[in-house]
Amino acid sequence: MADATFDIVSKVDQMEADNALHQAQKEVAQRYDFKNVGASIEQSGEKVLIKANSEERAKAILEVYEAKLIKRGISLRSLDAGEPFPSGKEFRIETTMKAGIDSENAKKINKIIRDEAPKSVKSQTQGDEVRVSSKSRDDLQATMALLKGKDLEVALQFVNFR
């Protein structure tokens, strides 16, 4: 019997991220506490830029955006939000979406699989994803459960289970 495999990836559904951004923009435009204070959230290239006249309001807009991402099923581990920084008379926060598993996190995942997963399970890094293989599908499912229970710095999805 051929080996069963699956891939571990870290991707963000861009349509859902855009929908979350648009919902956050609507809420910021409608909320009374954001009126007449120069509060805005907008996309500029790959980044999402949050602007407000105070650091607290900028953080509040970020919280609104995070809530919309959670509602849309996007993990906050995929969101890389910077600290508020002053820019002229306003405060700004730049956020980006992380995609792909970097080499450091891939090494951590491979080490967890090597140390704690069933012995028949093998893993290897392929670009920005990790391929996991085994003779037993049950061992692969146990490995998925093991990785879901770990607190890693990236949001993991399991795809191409064959």
N, C-alpha and C. Protein backbone atom coordinates (compact mmCIF):
# COMPACT_ATOMS: atom_id res chain seq x y z
N MET A 1 0.85 -1.19 0.00
CA MET A 1 0.00 0.00 0.00
C MET A 1 0.88 1.25 0.00
N ALA A 2 0.52 2.24 -0.77
CA ALA A 2 1.30 3.47 -0.87
C ALA A 2 1.15 4.29 0.41
N ASP A 3 2.13 5.15 0.63
CA ASP A 3 2.08 6.03 1.80
C ASP A 3 0.92 7.01 1.69
N ALA A 4 0.28 7.27 2.83
CA ALA A 4 -0.72 8.32 2.90
C ALA A 4 0.02 9.61 3.28
N THR A 5 -0.43 10.74 2.75
CA THR A 5 0.26 12.01 3.03
C THR A 5 -0.74 13.12 3.27
N PHE A 6 -0.24 14.18 3.89
CA PHE A 6 -0.96 15.46 3.91
C PHE A 6 0.07 16.57 4.01
N ASP A 7 -0.35 17.80 3.67
CA ASP A 7 0.54 18.95 3.73
C ASP A 7 0.07 19.88 4.85
N ILE A 8 1.04 20.46 5.54
CA ILE A 8 0.76 21.47 6.55
C ILE A 8 1.11 22.81 5.92
N VAL A 9 0.14 23.70 5.85
CA VAL A 9 0.35 25.02 5.24
C VAL A 9 -0.16 26.10 6.19
N SER A 10 0.20 27.32 5.90
CA SER A 10 -0.31 28.47 6.62
C SER A 10 -0.73 29.50 5.59
N LYS A 11 -2.02 29.51 5.27
CA LYS A 11 -2.54 30.41 4.25
C LYS A 11 -3.74 31.17 4.79
N VAL A 12 -3.99 32.31 4.20
CA VAL A 12 -5.14 33.13 4.57
C VAL A 12 -6.02 33.26 3.34
N ASP A 13 -7.32 33.02 3.51
CA ASP A 13 -8.27 33.22 2.41
C ASP A 13 -8.40 34.73 2.19
N GLN A 14 -7.85 35.21 1.07
CA GLN A 14 -7.79 36.64 0.82
C GLN A 14 -9.18 37.28 0.71
N MET A 15 -10.14 36.54 0.16
CA MET A 15 -11.50 37.08 0.06
C MET A 15 -12.10 37.32 1.44
N GLU A 16 -11.89 36.38 2.34
CA GLU A 16 -12.41 36.54 3.71
C GLU A 16 -11.71 37.70 4.41
N ALA A 17 -10.40 37.85 4.19
CA ALA A 17 -9.66 38.96 4.79
C ALA A 17 -10.18 40.30 4.26
N ASP A 18 -10.47 40.37 2.96
CA ASP A 18 -11.02 41.59 2.38
C ASP A 18 -12.40 41.89 2.95
N ASN A 19 -13.23 40.84 3.10
CA ASN A 19 -14.56 41.03 3.68
C ASN A 19 -14.47 41.55 5.11
N ALA A 20 -13.53 41.01 5.89
CA ALA A 20 -13.35 41.47 7.27
C ALA A 20 -12.93 42.93 7.28
N LEU A 21 -12.04 43.32 6.36
CA LEU A 21 -11.60 44.71 6.28
C LEU A 21 -12.78 45.63 5.95
N HIS A 22 -13.61 45.23 4.98
CA HIS A 22 -14.76 46.07 4.60
C HIS A 22 -15.76 46.19 5.74
N GLN A 23 -15.98 45.11 6.47
CA GLN A 23 -16.88 45.17 7.62
C GLN A 23 -16.32 46.10 8.70
N ALA A 24 -15.02 46.03 8.92
CA ALA A 24 -14.39 46.91 9.91
C ALA A 24 -14.50 48.37 9.46
N GLN A 25 -14.31 48.63 8.15
CA GLN A 25 -14.44 50.00 7.65
C GLN A 25 -15.85 50.54 7.89
N LYS A 26 -16.86 49.70 7.64
CA LYS A 26 -18.25 50.12 7.87
C LYS A 26 -18.49 50.45 9.34
N GLU A 27 -18.00 49.56 10.23
CA GLU A 27 -18.23 49.80 11.66
C GLU A 27 -17.52 51.06 12.13
N VAL A 28 -16.30 51.30 11.68
CA VAL A 28 -15.57 52.50 12.08
C VAL A 28 -16.30 53.74 11.58
N ALA A 29 -16.86 53.68 10.36
CA ALA A 29 -17.58 54.83 9.82
C ALA A 29 -18.87 55.10 10.57
N GLN A 30 -19.50 54.07 11.13
CA GLN A 30 -20.80 54.22 11.77
C GLN A 30 -20.74 54.48 13.27
N ARG A 31 -19.67 54.03 13.93
CA ARG A 31 -19.64 54.13 15.39
C ARG A 31 -19.46 55.57 15.86
N TYR A 32 -20.21 55.92 16.90
CA TYR A 32 -20.22 57.28 17.41
C TYR A 32 -18.86 57.69 17.98
N ASP A 33 -18.18 56.77 18.67
CA ASP A 33 -16.91 57.13 19.30
C ASP A 33 -15.78 57.34 18.29
N PHE A 34 -16.00 56.98 17.01
CA PHE A 34 -14.99 57.22 15.98
C PHE A 34 -15.34 58.41 15.08
N LYS A 35 -16.45 59.10 15.37
CA LYS A 35 -16.86 60.24 14.53
C LYS A 35 -15.96 61.45 14.81
N ASN A 36 -15.60 62.15 13.77
CA ASN A 36 -14.84 63.41 13.84
C ASN A 36 -13.51 63.30 14.57
N VAL A 37 -12.87 62.14 14.51
CA VAL A 37 -11.56 62.00 15.15
C VAL A 37 -10.52 61.51 14.15
N GLY A 38 -10.86 61.51 12.87
CA GLY A 38 -9.91 61.08 11.85
C GLY A 38 -9.62 59.60 11.90
N ALA A 39 -10.58 58.81 12.38
CA ALA A 39 -10.37 57.36 12.49
C ALA A 39 -10.65 56.71 11.14
N SER A 40 -9.70 55.86 10.70
CA SER A 40 -9.92 55.14 9.45
C SER A 40 -9.10 53.87 9.44
N ILE A 41 -9.55 52.92 8.60
CA ILE A 41 -8.81 51.70 8.36
C ILE A 41 -8.89 51.45 6.86
N GLU A 42 -7.74 51.28 6.23
CA GLU A 42 -7.72 51.12 4.77
C GLU A 42 -6.56 50.25 4.34
N GLN A 43 -6.72 49.69 3.16
CA GLN A 43 -5.68 48.81 2.63
C GLN A 43 -4.77 49.63 1.72
N SER A 44 -3.45 49.44 1.92
CA SER A 44 -2.49 50.09 1.02
C SER A 44 -1.49 49.02 0.59
N GLY A 45 -1.74 48.45 -0.57
CA GLY A 45 -0.89 47.36 -1.05
C GLY A 45 -1.15 46.10 -0.24
N GLU A 46 -0.09 45.53 0.31
CA GLU A 46 -0.23 44.31 1.13
C GLU A 46 -0.59 44.64 2.57
N LYS A 47 -0.43 45.90 2.97
CA LYS A 47 -0.64 46.28 4.36
C LYS A 47 -2.02 46.86 4.57
N VAL A 48 -2.48 46.77 5.82
CA VAL A 48 -3.69 47.46 6.24
C VAL A 48 -3.25 48.55 7.20
N LEU A 49 -3.64 49.79 6.91
CA LEU A 49 -3.19 50.94 7.68
C LEU A 49 -4.35 51.47 8.52
N ILE A 50 -4.10 51.58 9.81
CA ILE A 50 -5.09 52.09 10.76
C ILE A 50 -4.62 53.46 11.22
N LYS A 51 -5.52 54.46 11.15
CA LYS A 51 -5.19 55.83 11.55
C LYS A 51 -6.22 56.33 12.55
N ALA A 52 -5.75 57.09 13.55
CA ALA A 52 -6.65 57.75 14.51
C ALA A 52 -5.88 58.87 15.18
N ASN A 53 -6.62 59.75 15.89
CA ASN A 53 -5.95 60.89 16.50
C ASN A 53 -5.31 60.57 17.85
N SER A 54 -5.56 59.38 18.39
CA SER A 54 -4.90 58.99 19.65
C SER A 54 -4.53 57.52 19.59
N GLU A 55 -3.57 57.15 20.42
CA GLU A 55 -3.09 55.77 20.44
C GLU A 55 -4.21 54.81 20.86
N GLU A 56 -5.04 55.22 21.81
CA GLU A 56 -6.13 54.37 22.30
C GLU A 56 -7.16 54.11 21.21
N ARG A 57 -7.50 55.14 20.44
CA ARG A 57 -8.48 54.96 19.37
C ARG A 57 -7.91 54.06 18.27
N ALA A 58 -6.62 54.18 17.97
CA ALA A 58 -6.00 53.32 16.96
C ALA A 58 -6.07 51.87 17.43
N LYS A 59 -5.80 51.63 18.71
CA LYS A 59 -5.89 50.26 19.25
C LYS A 59 -7.33 49.75 19.22
N ALA A 60 -8.30 50.65 19.45
CA ALA A 60 -9.71 50.25 19.40
C ALA A 60 -10.11 49.83 17.99
N ILE A 61 -9.61 50.55 16.99
CA ILE A 61 -9.90 50.18 15.60
C ILE A 61 -9.27 48.83 15.29
N LEU A 62 -8.05 48.60 15.79
CA LEU A 62 -7.40 47.30 15.60
C LEU A 62 -8.23 46.18 16.23
N GLU A 63 -8.81 46.43 17.40
CA GLU A 63 -9.66 45.42 18.04
C GLU A 63 -10.90 45.12 17.20
N VAL A 64 -11.49 46.16 16.60
CA VAL A 64 -12.64 45.96 15.72
C VAL A 64 -12.24 45.07 14.54
N TYR A 65 -11.08 45.37 13.94
CA TYR A 65 -10.59 44.59 12.80
C TYR A 65 -10.33 43.14 13.20
N GLU A 66 -9.71 42.94 14.37
CA GLU A 66 -9.44 41.58 14.85
C GLU A 66 -10.75 40.81 15.06
N ALA A 67 -11.76 41.47 15.62
CA ALA A 67 -13.05 40.81 15.84
C ALA A 67 -13.67 40.37 14.51
N LYS A 68 -13.56 41.22 13.49
CA LYS A 68 -14.11 40.87 12.18
C LYS A 68 -13.35 39.70 11.56
N LEU A 69 -12.01 39.65 11.76
CA LEU A 69 -11.22 38.53 11.24
C LEU A 69 -11.64 37.22 11.92
N ILE A 70 -11.85 37.27 13.22
CA ILE A 70 -12.26 36.06 13.96
C ILE A 70 -13.61 35.58 13.47
N LYS A 71 -14.55 36.51 13.27
CA LYS A 71 -15.88 36.14 12.76
C LYS A 71 -15.79 35.48 11.40
N ARG A 72 -14.81 35.87 10.61
CA ARG A 72 -14.64 35.33 9.26
C ARG A 72 -13.80 34.06 9.25
N GLY A 73 -13.40 33.57 10.42
CA GLY A 73 -12.67 32.31 10.51
C GLY A 73 -11.18 32.43 10.22
N ILE A 74 -10.62 33.61 10.38
CA ILE A 74 -9.19 33.81 10.15
C ILE A 74 -8.51 33.92 11.51
N SER A 75 -7.50 33.09 11.72
CA SER A 75 -6.78 33.07 12.98
C SER A 75 -5.97 34.36 13.16
N LEU A 76 -5.93 34.86 14.40
CA LEU A 76 -5.15 36.07 14.67
C LEU A 76 -3.65 35.79 14.62
N ARG A 77 -3.27 34.51 14.57
CA ARG A 77 -1.85 34.19 14.40
C ARG A 77 -1.37 34.58 13.00
N SER A 78 -2.31 34.74 12.08
CA SER A 78 -1.95 35.16 10.72
C SER A 78 -1.79 36.66 10.61
N LEU A 79 -2.25 37.40 11.62
CA LEU A 79 -2.19 38.86 11.60
C LEU A 79 -0.93 39.32 12.30
N ASP A 80 -0.14 40.13 11.61
CA ASP A 80 1.07 40.70 12.18
C ASP A 80 0.84 42.19 12.35
N ALA A 81 0.45 42.61 13.56
CA ALA A 81 0.13 44.01 13.82
C ALA A 81 1.30 44.67 14.54
N GLY A 82 1.71 45.81 14.02
CA GLY A 82 2.78 46.56 14.66
C GLY A 82 2.27 47.38 15.82
N GLU A 83 3.17 48.09 16.45
CA GLU A 83 2.80 48.97 17.56
C GLU A 83 2.34 50.32 17.00
N PRO A 84 1.46 51.01 17.73
CA PRO A 84 1.05 52.34 17.28
C PRO A 84 2.25 53.29 17.27
N PHE A 85 2.38 54.07 16.19
CA PHE A 85 3.46 55.05 16.13
C PHE A 85 2.90 56.39 15.69
N PRO A 86 3.41 57.49 16.25
CA PRO A 86 2.90 58.81 15.88
C PRO A 86 3.39 59.20 14.49
N SER A 87 2.49 59.84 13.74
CA SER A 87 2.82 60.32 12.41
C SER A 87 2.11 61.66 12.24
N GLY A 88 2.84 62.73 12.48
CA GLY A 88 2.21 64.04 12.43
C GLY A 88 1.28 64.20 13.62
N LYS A 89 0.02 64.52 13.36
CA LYS A 89 -0.95 64.70 14.44
C LYS A 89 -1.77 63.46 14.72
N GLU A 90 -1.42 62.33 14.07
CA GLU A 90 -2.21 61.12 14.26
C GLU A 90 -1.32 59.94 14.62
N PHE A 91 -1.97 58.89 15.09
CA PHE A 91 -1.27 57.65 15.38
C PHE A 91 -1.64 56.64 14.31
N ARG A 92 -0.66 55.78 13.94
CA ARG A 92 -0.89 54.78 12.90
C ARG A 92 -0.46 53.41 13.40
N ILE A 93 -1.14 52.39 12.88
CA ILE A 93 -0.74 51.01 13.10
C ILE A 93 -0.73 50.34 11.73
N GLU A 94 0.38 49.67 11.42
CA GLU A 94 0.46 48.92 10.16
C GLU A 94 0.32 47.44 10.47
N THR A 95 -0.55 46.75 9.73
CA THR A 95 -0.73 45.31 9.91
C THR A 95 -0.52 44.61 8.57
N THR A 96 -0.04 43.38 8.64
CA THR A 96 0.10 42.55 7.45
C THR A 96 -0.39 41.15 7.77
N MET A 97 -0.72 40.41 6.73
CA MET A 97 -1.12 39.01 6.89
C MET A 97 0.08 38.12 6.60
N LYS A 98 0.35 37.20 7.51
CA LYS A 98 1.46 36.27 7.31
C LYS A 98 0.94 35.07 6.53
N ALA A 99 1.70 34.67 5.53
CA ALA A 99 1.34 33.48 4.75
C ALA A 99 2.59 32.63 4.59
N GLY A 100 2.41 31.33 4.65
CA GLY A 100 3.54 30.42 4.52
C GLY A 100 4.17 30.13 5.87
N ILE A 101 4.87 29.02 5.94
CA ILE A 101 5.56 28.62 7.16
C ILE A 101 7.03 28.93 6.96
N ASP A 102 7.58 29.82 7.79
CA ASP A 102 9.01 30.13 7.65
C ASP A 102 9.87 28.96 8.13
N SER A 103 11.15 29.01 7.82
CA SER A 103 12.03 27.86 8.08
C SER A 103 12.14 27.55 9.57
N GLU A 104 12.11 28.58 10.41
CA GLU A 104 12.21 28.35 11.86
C GLU A 104 11.01 27.56 12.38
N ASN A 105 9.81 27.96 11.98
CA ASN A 105 8.61 27.24 12.41
C ASN A 105 8.53 25.87 11.77
N ALA A 106 9.00 25.72 10.53
CA ALA A 106 9.03 24.40 9.88
C ALA A 106 9.93 23.45 10.67
N LYS A 107 11.06 23.95 11.16
CA LYS A 107 11.96 23.13 11.98
C LYS A 107 11.27 22.70 13.27
N LYS A 108 10.53 23.63 13.90
CA LYS A 108 9.80 23.29 15.13
C LYS A 108 8.77 22.20 14.87
N ILE A 109 8.03 22.34 13.76
CA ILE A 109 7.01 21.35 13.42
C ILE A 109 7.65 19.99 13.16
N ASN A 110 8.73 19.97 12.40
CA ASN A 110 9.43 18.71 12.12
C ASN A 110 9.95 18.08 13.41
N LYS A 111 10.45 18.89 14.34
CA LYS A 111 10.96 18.36 15.61
C LYS A 111 9.83 17.76 16.44
N ILE A 112 8.69 18.43 16.48
CA ILE A 112 7.53 17.90 17.22
C ILE A 112 7.11 16.57 16.64
N ILE A 113 7.05 16.49 15.31
CA ILE A 113 6.64 15.24 14.65
C ILE A 113 7.66 14.14 14.94
N ARG A 114 8.94 14.48 14.85
CA ARG A 114 9.99 13.49 15.09
C ARG A 114 9.96 12.98 16.53
N ASP A 115 9.74 13.90 17.50
CA ASP A 115 9.83 13.53 18.91
C ASP A 115 8.55 12.91 19.46
N GLU A 116 7.37 13.42 19.05
CA GLU A 116 6.14 13.05 19.74
C GLU A 116 5.13 12.28 18.90
N ALA A 117 5.24 12.33 17.58
CA ALA A 117 4.27 11.64 16.72
C ALA A 117 4.59 10.15 16.68
N PRO A 118 3.64 9.33 16.22
CA PRO A 118 3.94 7.89 16.06
C PRO A 118 5.18 7.69 15.19
N LYS A 119 5.92 6.63 15.46
CA LYS A 119 7.22 6.42 14.82
C LYS A 119 7.14 6.23 13.30
N SER A 120 6.00 5.78 12.78
CA SER A 120 5.91 5.56 11.33
C SER A 120 5.76 6.86 10.54
N VAL A 121 5.56 7.98 11.23
CA VAL A 121 5.30 9.25 10.57
C VAL A 121 6.61 9.95 10.23
N LYS A 122 6.74 10.38 8.96
CA LYS A 122 7.91 11.11 8.48
C LYS A 122 7.46 12.48 7.97
N SER A 123 8.34 13.47 8.10
CA SER A 123 8.00 14.81 7.61
C SER A 123 9.19 15.43 6.91
N GLN A 124 8.89 16.32 5.97
CA GLN A 124 9.95 17.06 5.29
C GLN A 124 9.42 18.42 4.86
N THR A 125 10.30 19.40 4.87
CA THR A 125 9.95 20.76 4.49
C THR A 125 10.05 20.90 2.98
N GLN A 126 9.00 21.47 2.37
CA GLN A 126 8.99 21.73 0.94
C GLN A 126 8.59 23.18 0.72
N GLY A 127 9.57 24.04 0.59
CA GLY A 127 9.29 25.47 0.41
C GLY A 127 8.68 26.06 1.67
N ASP A 128 7.47 26.59 1.56
CA ASP A 128 6.81 27.17 2.73
C ASP A 128 5.71 26.27 3.28
N GLU A 129 5.83 24.95 3.04
CA GLU A 129 4.89 23.99 3.63
C GLU A 129 5.66 22.75 4.07
N VAL A 130 4.99 21.91 4.87
CA VAL A 130 5.60 20.69 5.39
C VAL A 130 4.76 19.50 4.92
N ARG A 131 5.40 18.52 4.28
CA ARG A 131 4.73 17.31 3.82
C ARG A 131 4.94 16.23 4.87
N VAL A 132 3.84 15.60 5.30
CA VAL A 132 3.89 14.55 6.31
C VAL A 132 3.39 13.26 5.66
N SER A 133 4.11 12.15 5.87
CA SER A 133 3.70 10.89 5.26
C SER A 133 3.84 9.74 6.26
N SER A 134 3.02 8.70 6.02
CA SER A 134 3.04 7.51 6.85
C SER A 134 2.29 6.40 6.12
N LYS A 135 2.53 5.16 6.51
CA LYS A 135 1.76 4.04 5.95
C LYS A 135 0.34 4.04 6.50
N SER A 136 0.18 4.53 7.73
CA SER A 136 -1.11 4.46 8.42
C SER A 136 -1.82 5.82 8.42
N ARG A 137 -3.06 5.83 7.94
CA ARG A 137 -3.85 7.06 7.99
C ARG A 137 -4.19 7.44 9.43
N ASP A 138 -4.35 6.45 10.29
CA ASP A 138 -4.64 6.72 11.70
C ASP A 138 -3.49 7.48 12.35
N ASP A 139 -2.25 7.10 12.01
CA ASP A 139 -1.09 7.81 12.55
C ASP A 139 -1.06 9.26 12.06
N LEU A 140 -1.46 9.47 10.81
CA LEU A 140 -1.50 10.84 10.29
C LEU A 140 -2.55 11.68 11.02
N GLN A 141 -3.70 11.07 11.30
CA GLN A 141 -4.74 11.80 12.02
C GLN A 141 -4.31 12.10 13.45
N ALA A 142 -3.57 11.16 14.07
CA ALA A 142 -3.03 11.41 15.40
C ALA A 142 -2.02 12.56 15.36
N THR A 143 -1.24 12.62 14.29
CA THR A 143 -0.26 13.71 14.13
C THR A 143 -0.98 15.05 13.98
N MET A 144 -2.08 15.08 13.21
CA MET A 144 -2.86 16.31 13.08
C MET A 144 -3.37 16.78 14.45
N ALA A 145 -3.91 15.84 15.22
CA ALA A 145 -4.42 16.18 16.54
C ALA A 145 -3.30 16.70 17.44
N LEU A 146 -2.13 16.08 17.34
CA LEU A 146 -0.96 16.50 18.12
C LEU A 146 -0.58 17.94 17.79
N LEU A 147 -0.52 18.27 16.50
CA LEU A 147 -0.12 19.62 16.09
C LEU A 147 -1.19 20.66 16.43
N LYS A 148 -2.46 20.27 16.38
CA LYS A 148 -3.53 21.21 16.76
C LYS A 148 -3.43 21.56 18.23
N GLY A 149 -2.96 20.61 19.04
CA GLY A 149 -2.83 20.85 20.48
C GLY A 149 -1.63 21.69 20.86
N LYS A 150 -0.67 21.84 19.95
CA LYS A 150 0.55 22.62 20.24
C LYS A 150 0.29 24.10 20.02
N ASP A 151 0.99 24.93 20.79
CA ASP A 151 0.84 26.37 20.67
C ASP A 151 1.97 26.91 19.80
N LEU A 152 1.76 26.89 18.50
CA LEU A 152 2.76 27.38 17.55
C LEU A 152 2.46 28.83 17.17
N GLU A 153 3.45 29.52 16.62
CA GLU A 153 3.30 30.93 16.28
C GLU A 153 2.58 31.17 14.96
N VAL A 154 2.29 30.11 14.22
CA VAL A 154 1.61 30.26 12.93
C VAL A 154 0.29 29.50 12.95
N ALA A 155 -0.64 30.00 12.14
CA ALA A 155 -1.92 29.30 11.98
C ALA A 155 -1.70 28.16 10.99
N LEU A 156 -2.07 26.94 11.38
CA LEU A 156 -1.83 25.78 10.53
C LEU A 156 -3.13 25.29 9.90
N GLN A 157 -3.05 24.89 8.63
CA GLN A 157 -4.14 24.20 7.95
C GLN A 157 -3.56 22.90 7.39
N PHE A 158 -4.39 21.89 7.36
CA PHE A 158 -3.97 20.57 6.85
C PHE A 158 -4.71 20.33 5.54
N VAL A 159 -3.96 20.17 4.45
CA VAL A 159 -4.56 20.03 3.12
C VAL A 159 -3.99 18.82 2.41
N ASN A 160 -4.63 18.45 1.31
CA ASN A 160 -4.18 17.35 0.44
C ASN A 160 -4.04 16.03 1.19
N PHE A 161 -5.02 15.70 2.03
CA PHE A 161 -4.95 14.43 2.77
C PHE A 161 -5.31 13.32 1.80
N ARG A 162 -4.34 12.43 1.55
CA ARG A 162 -4.57 11.33 0.61
C ARG A 162 -4.11 10.04 1.26
